[in-house]
C-alpha atoms as a PDB file:
ATOM      1  CA  UNK A   1       1.685 -11.262   0.210  1.00  0.00           C
ATOM      2  CA  UNK A   2       3.290  -7.843   0.908  1.00  0.00           C
ATOM      3  CA  UNK A   3       7.210  -7.756   1.467  1.00  0.00           C
ATOM      4  CA  UNK A   4       9.633  -5.325   1.590  1.00  0.00           C
ATOM      5  CA  UNK A   5      13.337  -6.886   1.694  1.00  0.00           C
ATOM      6  CA  UNK A   6      16.243  -4.469   2.489  1.00  0.00           C
ATOM      7  CA  UNK A   7      19.714  -4.983   1.398  1.00  0.00           C
ATOM      8  CA  UNK A   8      23.381  -3.288   1.591  1.00  0.00           C
ATOM      9  CA  UNK A   9      23.944  -2.942   5.018  1.00  0.00           C
ATOM     10  CA  UNK A  10      27.212  -4.009   6.670  1.00  0.00           C
ATOM     11  CA  UNK A  11      30.123  -2.583   8.540  1.00  0.00           C
ATOM     12  CA  UNK A  12      31.794   0.318   6.904  1.00  0.00           C
ATOM     13  CA  UNK A  13      34.275   2.531   8.437  1.00  0.00           C
ATOM     14  CA  UNK A  14      33.786   6.280   9.454  1.00  0.00           C
ATOM     15  CA  UNK A  15      33.809   8.250   6.290  1.00  0.00           C
ATOM     16  CA  UNK A  16      32.428   5.596   4.017  1.00  0.00           C
ATOM     17  CA  UNK A  17      29.559   4.985   2.202  1.00  0.00           C
ATOM     18  CA  UNK A  18      27.118   2.091   1.435  1.00  0.00           C
ATOM     19  CA  UNK A  19      23.901   2.244  -0.763  1.00  0.00           C
ATOM     20  CA  UNK A  20      20.549   0.440   0.963  1.00  0.00           C
ATOM     21  CA  UNK A  21      17.973  -1.018  -1.388  1.00  0.00           C
ATOM     22  CA  UNK A  22      14.443  -1.954  -0.533  1.00  0.00           C
ATOM     23  CA  UNK A  23      12.760  -4.040  -2.808  1.00  0.00           C
ATOM     24  CA  UNK A  24       8.985  -4.311  -2.737  1.00  0.00           C
ATOM     25  CA  UNK A  25       6.286  -6.968  -3.794  1.00  0.00           C
ATOM     26  CA  UNK A  26       2.805  -7.783  -3.493  1.00  0.00           C
ATOM     27  CA  UNK A  27       1.960  -4.084  -3.656  1.00  0.00           C
ATOM     28  CA  UNK A  28       1.707  -1.531  -6.529  1.00  0.00           C
ATOM     29  CA  UNK A  29       4.334   0.303  -5.102  1.00  0.00           C
ATOM     30  CA  UNK A  30       4.132   3.362  -7.298  1.00  0.00           C
ATOM     31  CA  UNK A  31       1.261   4.459  -5.741  1.00  0.00           C
ATOM     32  CA  UNK A  32       3.087   4.380  -2.093  1.00  0.00           C
ATOM     33  CA  UNK A  33       5.150   7.034  -0.418  1.00  0.00           C
ATOM     34  CA  UNK A  34       8.472   5.359   0.611  1.00  0.00           C
ATOM     35  CA  UNK A  35      10.590   5.936   3.623  1.00  0.00           C
ATOM     36  CA  UNK A  36      13.820   4.800   5.380  1.00  0.00           C
ATOM     37  CA  UNK A  37      13.933   4.501   9.102  1.00  0.00           C
ATOM     38  CA  UNK A  38      16.532   3.719  11.732  1.00  0.00           C
ATOM     39  CA  UNK A  39      16.612   2.311  15.274  1.00  0.00           C
ATOM     40  CA  UNK A  40      19.789   2.520  17.247  1.00  0.00           C
ATOM     41  CA  UNK A  41      19.775   0.076  20.687  1.00  0.00           C
ATOM     42  CA  UNK A  42      18.226   1.602  23.266  1.00  0.00           C
ATOM     43  CA  UNK A  43      16.517   4.220  21.134  1.00  0.00           C
ATOM     44  CA  UNK A  44      13.118   5.054  19.522  1.00  0.00           C
ATOM     45  CA  UNK A  45      12.722   4.326  15.685  1.00  0.00           C
ATOM     46  CA  UNK A  46      13.396   7.521  13.904  1.00  0.00           C
ATOM     47  CA  UNK A  47      12.570   8.771  10.335  1.00  0.00           C
ATOM     48  CA  UNK A  48      15.890   9.068   8.465  1.00  0.00           C
ATOM     49  CA  UNK A  49      14.261  10.179   4.707  1.00  0.00           C
ATOM     50  CA  UNK A  50      11.090   9.965   2.930  1.00  0.00           C
ATOM     51  CA  UNK A  51      10.133  10.129  -0.817  1.00  0.00           C
ATOM     52  CA  UNK A  52       6.787  10.886  -2.248  1.00  0.00           C
ATOM     53  CA  UNK A  53       4.963   8.211  -4.512  1.00  0.00           C
ATOM     54  CA  UNK A  54       6.034   9.929  -7.496  1.00  0.00           C
ATOM     55  CA  UNK A  55       9.396  10.780  -6.164  1.00  0.00           C
ATOM     56  CA  UNK A  56       9.053  14.536  -6.543  1.00  0.00           C
ATOM     57  CA  UNK A  57       9.565  15.440  -2.827  1.00  0.00           C
ATOM     58  CA  UNK A  58      11.866  14.212  -0.404  1.00  0.00           C
ATOM     59  CA  UNK A  59      12.717  14.967   3.257  1.00  0.00           C
ATOM     60  CA  UNK A  60      15.560  14.246   5.397  1.00  0.00           C
ATOM     61  CA  UNK A  61      16.383  14.487   9.261  1.00  0.00           C
ATOM     62  CA  UNK A  62      18.502  16.939  10.157  1.00  0.00           C
ATOM     63  CA  UNK A  63      21.112  14.706  11.080  1.00  0.00           C
ATOM     64  CA  UNK A  64      21.703  13.274   7.539  1.00  0.00           C
ATOM     65  CA  UNK A  65      21.171  16.414   5.291  1.00  0.00           C
ATOM     66  CA  UNK A  66      23.821  16.576   2.770  1.00  0.00           C
ATOM     67  CA  UNK A  67      25.100  13.170   3.514  1.00  0.00           C
ATOM     68  CA  UNK A  68      22.196  10.450   2.825  1.00  0.00           C
ATOM     69  CA  UNK A  69      19.935  10.773  -0.624  1.00  0.00           C
ATOM     70  CA  UNK A  70      16.616   8.903  -0.938  1.00  0.00           C
ATOM     71  CA  UNK A  71      15.632   7.891  -4.338  1.00  0.00           C
ATOM     72  CA  UNK A  72      13.103   5.310  -6.202  1.00  0.00           C
ATOM     73  CA  UNK A  73      12.769   3.415  -9.190  1.00  0.00           C
ATOM     74  CA  UNK A  74       8.972   2.766  -9.499  1.00  0.00           C
ATOM     75  CA  UNK A  75       9.898   0.352 -12.374  1.00  0.00           C
ATOM     76  CA  UNK A  76      11.952  -1.801 -10.134  1.00  0.00           C
ATOM     77  CA  UNK A  77       9.728  -1.520  -7.137  1.00  0.00           C
ATOM     78  CA  UNK A  78      12.610  -0.330  -5.338  1.00  0.00           C
ATOM     79  CA  UNK A  79      13.601   2.639  -3.015  1.00  0.00           C
ATOM     80  CA  UNK A  80      17.436   3.311  -2.292  1.00  0.00           C
ATOM     81  CA  UNK A  81      19.302   5.285   0.288  1.00  0.00           C
ATOM     82  CA  UNK A  82      22.722   6.277  -0.706  1.00  0.00           C
ATOM     83  CA  UNK A  83      24.705   7.505   2.398  1.00  0.00           C
ATOM     84  CA  UNK A  84      27.736   9.167   2.259  1.00  0.00           C
ATOM     85  CA  UNK A  85      30.088  10.404   5.230  1.00  0.00           C
ATOM     86  CA  UNK A  86      28.832   7.888   7.311  1.00  0.00           C
ATOM     87  CA  UNK A  87      29.492   8.031  11.202  1.00  0.00           C
ATOM     88  CA  UNK A  88      29.413   6.236  14.076  1.00  0.00           C
ATOM     89  CA  UNK A  89      26.377   7.620  14.990  1.00  0.00           C
ATOM     90  CA  UNK A  90      24.617   6.428  11.988  1.00  0.00           C
ATOM     91  CA  UNK A  91      25.100   2.763  13.231  1.00  0.00           C
ATOM     92  CA  UNK A  92      21.465   1.490  13.610  1.00  0.00           C
ATOM     93  CA  UNK A  93      19.423  -0.774  12.016  1.00  0.00           C
ATOM     94  CA  UNK A  94      17.766   0.603   9.114  1.00  0.00           C
ATOM     95  CA  UNK A  95      14.069   0.005   8.044  1.00  0.00           C
ATOM     96  CA  UNK A  96      12.286   0.643   4.760  1.00  0.00           C
ATOM     97  CA  UNK A  97       8.309   1.690   4.995  1.00  0.00           C
ATOM     98  CA  UNK A  98       5.712   1.846   2.169  1.00  0.00           C
ATOM     99  CA  UNK A  99       2.750   3.829   3.370  1.00  0.00           C
ATOM    100  CA  UNK A 100      -0.499   4.934   1.645  1.00  0.00           C
ATOM    101  CA  UNK A 101      -3.602   5.952   3.764  1.00  0.00           C
ATOM    102  CA  UNK A 102      -4.000   3.635   6.483  1.00  0.00           C
ATOM    103  CA  UNK A 103      -1.924   0.961   4.382  1.00  0.00           C
ATOM    104  CA  UNK A 104       1.476   0.792   6.353  1.00  0.00           C
ATOM    105  CA  UNK A 105       3.935  -2.024   5.444  1.00  0.00           C
ATOM    106  CA  UNK A 106       7.623  -2.357   7.086  1.00  0.00           C
ATOM    107  CA  UNK A 107      10.955  -4.409   5.973  1.00  0.00           C
ATOM    108  CA  UNK A 108      12.650  -6.747   8.316  1.00  0.00           C
ATOM    109  CA  UNK A 109      15.689  -4.454   8.595  1.00  0.00           C
ATOM    110  CA  UNK A 110      19.435  -4.144   7.714  1.00  0.00           C
ATOM    111  CA  UNK A 111      22.250  -3.767  10.053  1.00  0.00           C
ATOM    112  CA  UNK A 112      24.531  -0.776   9.207  1.00  0.00           C
ATOM    113  CA  UNK A 113      27.535  -0.341  11.432  1.00  0.00           C
ATOM    114  CA  UNK A 114      30.200   2.373  11.011  1.00  0.00           C
ATOM    115  CA  UNK A 115      33.470   1.647  13.255  1.00  0.00           C
ATOM    116  CA  UNK A 116      36.957   1.592  12.586  1.00  0.00           C
END
């Protein structure tokens, strides 16, 4: 059974930092591309950041460039999202995704709330 389990969300003040983790099991994670998405209330789910299977190429949404960093540790079957300089508009449920061809798996999501 494939599972992606996110952790690290919570409440943080504007300007603060959080590190999200997504631990994968049931798949050979090192051959899957990884990604973080988010969905705010009333909005569609959007891509935040992605990383290739080997970790050599990353992409970011314009809104998070320079503030967020995606990384992965294939030995630990884990993908991370370091979020710095957080803004209220970053408030959302954050989901991790593993994808390879037509095989796509999602985590259950973790809430990130940025508020003073």
